[in-house]
Each structure stands twice: as C-alpha cells, then as structure tokens.
Amino acid sequence: MKRVRSSDEDQNLGQNDRESERESRSMTMTKVPDAMDPKQPHGAGSHSLLPPEFMEILAPSFQVGLGTGLLGVFTGAVSGIVRSPTPVLFSLASGVQWFTLGSSYYASRMVLDRSLGGRDNLTGMQKVESSTIAGGVSGMLGGMMRGPRNVLPGMVVFSMLGAGGQAVANTVDPSAWKNIGNRFLSSKWSPVTPISDEDYKKILEEKLLKVEAELAILDDNIKTLRASEQQSSHETQESRSTAPRGDSP
C-alpha cells in the first residue's frame, strides 16, 4: 500500500534541504584562498605595484628633481626674457630639462652606491666613480631631449661635472658645509636667523605671556562693561519708578 506524505513531512524535508544548502555554501566560503583576505600580511598573497626598494630610490630622486626643476624654471624665465620671444615656454622647457638632469643623476648615483655597499661605506674614489657614471647617465638623457647630436657632448660634460664636484666634496669635511650654512644664515645679508631650541622655547614663552596678559585685560574690560550696563539699567528703572504719573481722566 502506497503511503501518501503529509504536508508536515514536506515542510520538514524542505527545511532540511535548505539547511544542507546553507552548510554547503558556508563550506565553499571557507575555502576562499587567503590571498583575498585584507588582514593577510603583505607579500604572502598580494603584491604591491612598486617594490619598496624602488620607492626608496624614486621618492628622494623625485624631490631632488623638483628642486632642480624649480631652479631651471627660474633661470629659464630670466634667460627667456632676454633670448626668447616666448619666455614662459622657454622657462617651462628649461624646468623639464633640469628636472630630468637632477632626478636621473640622483637616482643613478643611489643605484650605484647601493650596488657598491652603501654611500657611507664607499671610499672617496668609489664616490667619484659613482658620481661620474651618474653624471654620464643624466647628461645622456638631457642630450636626448635636445637632439641626438647633444647626447655624446652631454655625457662628457656632465661626467666631468659629476667627477669634479664629487672630488671637491671629498676634500671638504661634511661638518664644514654645516658651518658655512650657519655663517651665511647668521650674516646680516640673510633674511632669516638661526636660533637654538632654547631660544625658540623662550620666544614661545614670551608670546604666551603676552597672550595671557591680553586675555586678562579683555576680561577686565568685559567686567567693566557689564558693570556699567547693570548700573545704567538700574538707573533707568529708578528714573521710571520715580517719574510723576499723569492725572487720571
């Protein structure tokens, strides 16, 4: 005899099917690879666009390039007023060229210094060699921007500049550059004056005392104004109360 299922049995079977489907979905979600987990440490399953070693070279090189580029814009504007009918375009082109020279030189020198063991571990001759090669690279790029004929002269000139500048820098004590900067800042021609941390602290304390004194004066003025307002309002009320009333009609 064939047994007919009741509606309650159908509901139980449907509920069991839904629970089994949920369990299968949860198991599938737990099998997702760890590479998609945002809490996973860097490098285990995801990779950044630029390696950190490259960023350590790119960031300071870009900063040096910005400095040289701004200097190039300024010099290009001055010379463009005299030599070119379009000084704005001339200054912009000069800024781009100087940016390329400065950033490429600094990046090339950092790469060479790291390959030789670090800037602090190099001898004077190794620093000269690194600066010479970096100057040649920057001169090559700068010459390519001005035309193929300027590549070789640019490499030669900037290699000599890099070697000569580094040779002079090797003969000077690093602390001497700091002393020269301090002397210039301390001179009367300097628009700024170097101060120590203690002097700066004293200046801030003096300014704080002035601000506190001004606040105290403002508080006294406010109290005086409030007292005068209260006195004037009190006098007004007394004058109204003592004023003679008119005869009633």
Protein backbone atom coordinates (compact mmCIF):
# COMPACT_ATOMS: atom_id res chain seq x y z
CA MET A 1 0.00 0.00 0.00
CA LYS A 2 1.49 3.34 -1.02
CA ARG A 3 1.76 5.88 1.76
CA VAL A 4 0.98 9.49 0.96
CA ARG A 5 3.26 12.12 2.59
CA SER A 6 1.57 14.75 4.65
CA SER A 7 2.15 18.48 4.33
CA ASP A 8 4.18 18.49 7.59
CA GLU A 9 6.61 15.97 6.18
CA ASP A 10 7.01 18.07 3.04
CA GLN A 11 7.83 21.12 5.13
CA ASN A 12 10.41 19.19 7.16
CA LEU A 13 12.07 17.89 4.02
CA GLY A 14 12.16 21.39 2.54
CA GLN A 15 13.73 22.78 5.71
CA ASN A 16 16.36 20.04 5.73
CA ASP A 17 17.20 20.79 2.11
CA ARG A 18 17.64 24.48 2.89
CA GLU A 19 19.89 23.74 5.87
CA SER A 20 22.06 21.41 3.82
CA GLU A 21 22.33 24.09 1.11
CA ARG A 22 23.43 26.68 3.70
CA GLU A 23 26.08 24.30 5.06
CA SER A 24 27.44 23.72 1.58
CA ARG A 25 27.61 27.48 0.96
CA SER A 26 29.44 28.10 4.23
CA MET A 27 31.95 25.37 3.39
CA THR A 28 32.50 26.95 -0.01
CA MET A 29 33.09 30.36 1.57
CA THR A 30 35.67 28.91 3.99
CA LYS A 31 37.63 27.55 1.03
CA VAL A 32 38.26 31.01 -0.39
CA PRO A 33 42.04 31.49 -0.80
CA ASP A 34 43.84 33.56 1.80
CA ALA A 35 45.11 35.91 -0.88
CA MET A 36 41.80 37.77 -0.77
CA ASP A 37 41.98 38.32 2.99
CA PRO A 38 42.79 42.01 3.68
CA LYS A 39 44.25 41.10 7.08
CA GLN A 40 46.86 38.87 5.49
CA PRO A 41 50.42 40.26 5.83
CA HIS A 42 51.90 42.00 2.85
CA GLY A 43 53.80 39.75 0.48
CA ALA A 44 52.08 36.45 1.38
CA GLY A 45 49.30 36.58 -1.17
CA SER A 46 49.26 40.11 -2.59
CA HIS A 47 51.93 42.18 -4.26
CA SER A 48 52.27 45.96 -4.38
CA LEU A 49 52.62 47.76 -7.67
CA LEU A 50 56.09 49.08 -6.84
CA PRO A 51 58.66 47.32 -4.65
CA PRO A 52 59.85 49.21 -1.56
CA GLU A 53 63.44 49.28 -2.83
CA PHE A 54 62.29 51.12 -5.93
CA MET A 55 60.27 53.61 -3.87
CA GLU A 56 63.29 54.31 -1.65
CA ILE A 57 65.12 55.47 -4.77
CA LEU A 58 62.19 57.10 -6.57
CA ALA A 59 60.98 59.35 -3.74
CA PRO A 60 64.25 61.21 -2.96
CA SER A 61 65.12 61.38 -6.65
CA PHE A 62 61.77 63.00 -7.37
CA GLN A 63 62.37 65.53 -4.60
CA VAL A 64 65.79 66.41 -5.99
CA GLY A 65 64.25 66.68 -9.43
CA LEU A 66 61.62 69.10 -8.15
CA GLY A 67 64.30 71.30 -6.63
CA THR A 68 66.41 71.38 -9.78
CA GLY A 69 63.28 71.80 -11.89
CA LEU A 70 62.22 74.90 -9.95
CA LEU A 71 65.72 76.28 -10.33
CA GLY A 72 65.53 75.56 -14.04
CA VAL A 73 62.20 77.38 -14.33
CA PHE A 74 63.67 80.43 -12.62
CA THR A 75 66.84 80.52 -14.73
CA GLY A 76 64.83 79.76 -17.87
CA ALA A 77 62.49 82.66 -17.15
CA VAL A 78 65.40 85.05 -16.68
CA SER A 79 67.21 83.94 -19.83
CA GLY A 80 63.95 83.55 -21.78
CA ILE A 81 63.10 87.22 -21.28
CA VAL A 82 66.36 88.11 -22.97
CA ARG A 83 66.70 85.38 -25.60
CA SER A 84 63.23 84.10 -26.48
CA PRO A 85 60.02 85.75 -27.70
CA THR A 86 58.07 83.22 -25.58
CA PRO A 87 59.73 83.31 -22.15
CA VAL A 88 57.01 81.22 -20.49
CA LEU A 89 57.51 78.25 -22.81
CA PHE A 90 61.27 78.69 -22.58
CA SER A 91 61.18 78.59 -18.77
CA LEU A 92 58.92 75.52 -18.75
CA ALA A 93 61.20 73.67 -21.15
CA SER A 94 64.18 74.61 -19.04
CA GLY A 95 62.43 73.36 -15.92
CA VAL A 96 61.68 69.99 -17.54
CA GLN A 97 65.30 69.61 -18.65
CA TRP A 98 66.67 70.49 -15.23
CA PHE A 99 64.19 68.13 -13.57
CA THR A 100 65.38 65.32 -15.82
CA LEU A 101 69.03 66.08 -15.10
CA GLY A 102 68.62 66.29 -11.34
CA SER A 103 66.34 63.30 -10.83
CA SER A 104 68.25 61.00 -13.21
CA TYR A 105 71.59 61.93 -11.66
CA TYR A 106 70.45 61.32 -8.11
CA ALA A 107 68.63 58.08 -8.95
CA SER A 108 71.61 56.71 -10.91
CA ARG A 109 74.00 57.57 -8.11
CA MET A 110 71.77 55.92 -5.49
CA VAL A 111 71.58 52.74 -7.55
CA LEU A 112 75.36 52.64 -7.99
CA ASP A 113 76.00 53.41 -4.32
CA ARG A 114 73.72 50.58 -3.22
CA SER A 115 75.35 48.15 -5.60
CA LEU A 116 78.74 49.02 -4.06
CA GLY A 117 77.60 48.59 -0.45
CA GLY A 118 76.02 51.89 0.53
CA ARG A 119 77.04 55.53 0.40
CA ASP A 120 78.57 55.55 3.89
CA ASN A 121 80.78 52.54 3.14
CA LEU A 122 82.35 53.90 -0.06
CA THR A 123 85.82 55.29 -0.38
CA GLY A 124 86.49 58.68 -1.90
CA MET A 125 87.49 57.14 -5.23
CA GLN A 126 84.37 54.98 -5.36
CA LYS A 127 82.23 58.05 -4.74
CA VAL A 128 83.96 59.83 -7.62
CA GLU A 129 83.36 56.86 -9.92
CA SER A 130 79.69 56.66 -8.90
CA SER A 131 79.15 60.38 -9.46
CA THR A 132 80.97 60.22 -12.81
CA ILE A 133 78.73 57.44 -14.13
CA ALA A 134 75.61 59.11 -12.76
CA GLY A 135 76.61 62.36 -14.46
CA GLY A 136 77.05 60.50 -17.74
CA VAL A 137 73.56 59.00 -17.44
CA SER A 138 71.94 62.34 -16.70
CA GLY A 139 73.92 64.00 -19.49
CA MET A 140 72.77 61.32 -21.92
CA LEU A 141 69.11 61.85 -21.02
CA GLY A 142 69.48 65.62 -21.16
CA GLY A 143 71.18 65.37 -24.55
CA MET A 144 68.42 63.14 -25.90
CA MET A 145 65.89 65.84 -25.02
CA ARG A 146 67.87 68.39 -27.05
CA GLY A 147 68.60 66.15 -30.02
CA PRO A 148 70.78 63.14 -30.93
CA ARG A 149 73.82 65.32 -31.61
CA ASN A 150 73.87 66.50 -28.00
CA VAL A 151 73.98 63.02 -26.41
CA LEU A 152 77.74 62.49 -26.53
CA PRO A 153 78.69 66.06 -25.52
CA GLY A 154 76.15 65.91 -22.70
CA MET A 155 77.59 62.66 -21.37
CA VAL A 156 81.14 64.02 -21.46
CA VAL A 157 80.30 67.38 -19.86
CA PHE A 158 78.12 66.04 -17.07
CA SER A 159 80.51 63.18 -16.34
CA MET A 160 83.25 65.73 -15.81
CA LEU A 161 80.95 67.86 -13.67
CA GLY A 162 79.99 64.88 -11.54
CA ALA A 163 83.58 63.77 -11.07
CA GLY A 164 84.85 67.28 -10.33
CA GLY A 165 82.05 68.11 -7.93
CA GLN A 166 82.50 64.86 -6.01
CA ALA A 167 86.27 65.31 -5.87
CA VAL A 168 85.80 68.75 -4.33
CA ALA A 169 83.19 67.38 -1.91
CA ASN A 170 85.61 64.66 -0.78
CA THR A 171 88.20 67.23 0.25
CA VAL A 172 85.75 69.16 2.42
CA ASP A 173 84.70 67.97 5.85
CA PRO A 174 80.91 67.36 5.99
CA SER A 175 80.70 69.49 9.12
CA ALA A 176 82.26 72.38 7.20
CA TRP A 177 79.22 72.59 4.92
CA LYS A 178 77.06 72.97 8.01
CA ASN A 179 79.32 75.70 9.38
CA ILE A 180 79.19 77.55 6.06
CA GLY A 181 75.41 77.42 6.12
CA ASN A 182 75.26 78.66 9.70
CA ARG A 183 77.63 81.53 8.91
CA PHE A 184 75.52 82.59 5.97
CA LEU A 185 72.33 82.44 8.00
CA SER A 186 73.95 84.43 10.80
CA SER A 187 75.15 87.16 8.46
CA LYS A 188 73.29 90.43 8.02
CA TRP A 189 72.52 89.55 4.39
CA SER A 190 70.44 86.54 5.37
CA PRO A 191 66.66 87.06 5.53
CA VAL A 192 66.40 84.50 8.36
CA THR A 193 68.32 83.97 11.60
CA PRO A 194 69.14 80.55 13.04
CA ILE A 195 68.10 80.02 16.66
CA SER A 196 68.59 77.19 19.09
CA ASP A 197 65.84 75.15 20.69
CA GLU A 198 66.23 77.00 23.99
CA ASP A 199 65.92 80.39 22.31
CA TYR A 200 62.86 79.23 20.42
CA LYS A 201 61.33 77.98 23.69
CA LYS A 202 61.94 81.35 25.33
CA ILE A 203 60.31 83.15 22.41
CA LEU A 204 57.23 80.93 22.68
CA GLU A 205 57.04 81.52 26.44
CA GLU A 206 57.22 85.29 25.94
CA LYS A 207 54.45 85.15 23.35
CA LEU A 208 52.36 83.02 25.71
CA LEU A 209 52.79 85.57 28.50
CA LYS A 210 51.72 88.37 26.16
CA VAL A 211 48.62 86.44 25.14
CA GLU A 212 47.72 85.75 28.77
CA ALA A 213 48.16 89.44 29.65
CA GLU A 214 45.94 90.47 26.74
CA LEU A 215 43.30 87.96 27.83
CA ALA A 216 43.39 89.35 31.37
CA ILE A 217 42.91 92.89 30.03
CA LEU A 218 39.99 91.72 27.92
CA ASP A 219 38.39 90.06 30.96
CA ASP A 220 38.70 93.30 32.95
CA ASN A 221 37.16 95.28 30.10
CA ILE A 222 34.28 92.84 29.86
CA LYS A 223 33.63 93.07 33.60
CA THR A 224 33.71 96.87 33.43
CA LEU A 225 31.25 96.93 30.53
CA ARG A 226 28.90 94.55 32.29
CA ALA A 227 29.02 96.63 35.49
CA SER A 228 28.32 99.82 33.56
CA GLU A 229 25.40 98.16 31.75
CA GLN A 230 23.93 96.94 35.02
CA GLN A 231 24.32 100.37 36.61
CA SER A 232 22.72 102.12 33.63
CA SER A 233 19.79 99.67 33.62
CA HIS A 234 19.33 100.15 37.37
CA GLU A 235 19.33 103.93 36.99
CA THR A 236 16.80 103.66 34.19
CA GLN A 237 14.47 101.59 36.33
CA GLU A 238 14.78 104.05 39.23
CA SER A 239 14.04 107.02 36.99
CA ARG A 240 10.96 105.27 35.65
CA SER A 241 9.72 104.44 39.14
CA THR A 242 10.25 108.00 40.46
CA ALA A 243 8.79 109.71 37.40
CA PRO A 244 5.48 111.62 38.21
CA ARG A 245 2.38 109.97 36.90
CA GLY A 246 -0.11 111.95 34.91
CA ASP A 247 -3.66 112.74 36.22
CA SER A 248 -6.10 110.01 35.55
CA PRO A 249 -9.03 111.01 33.31
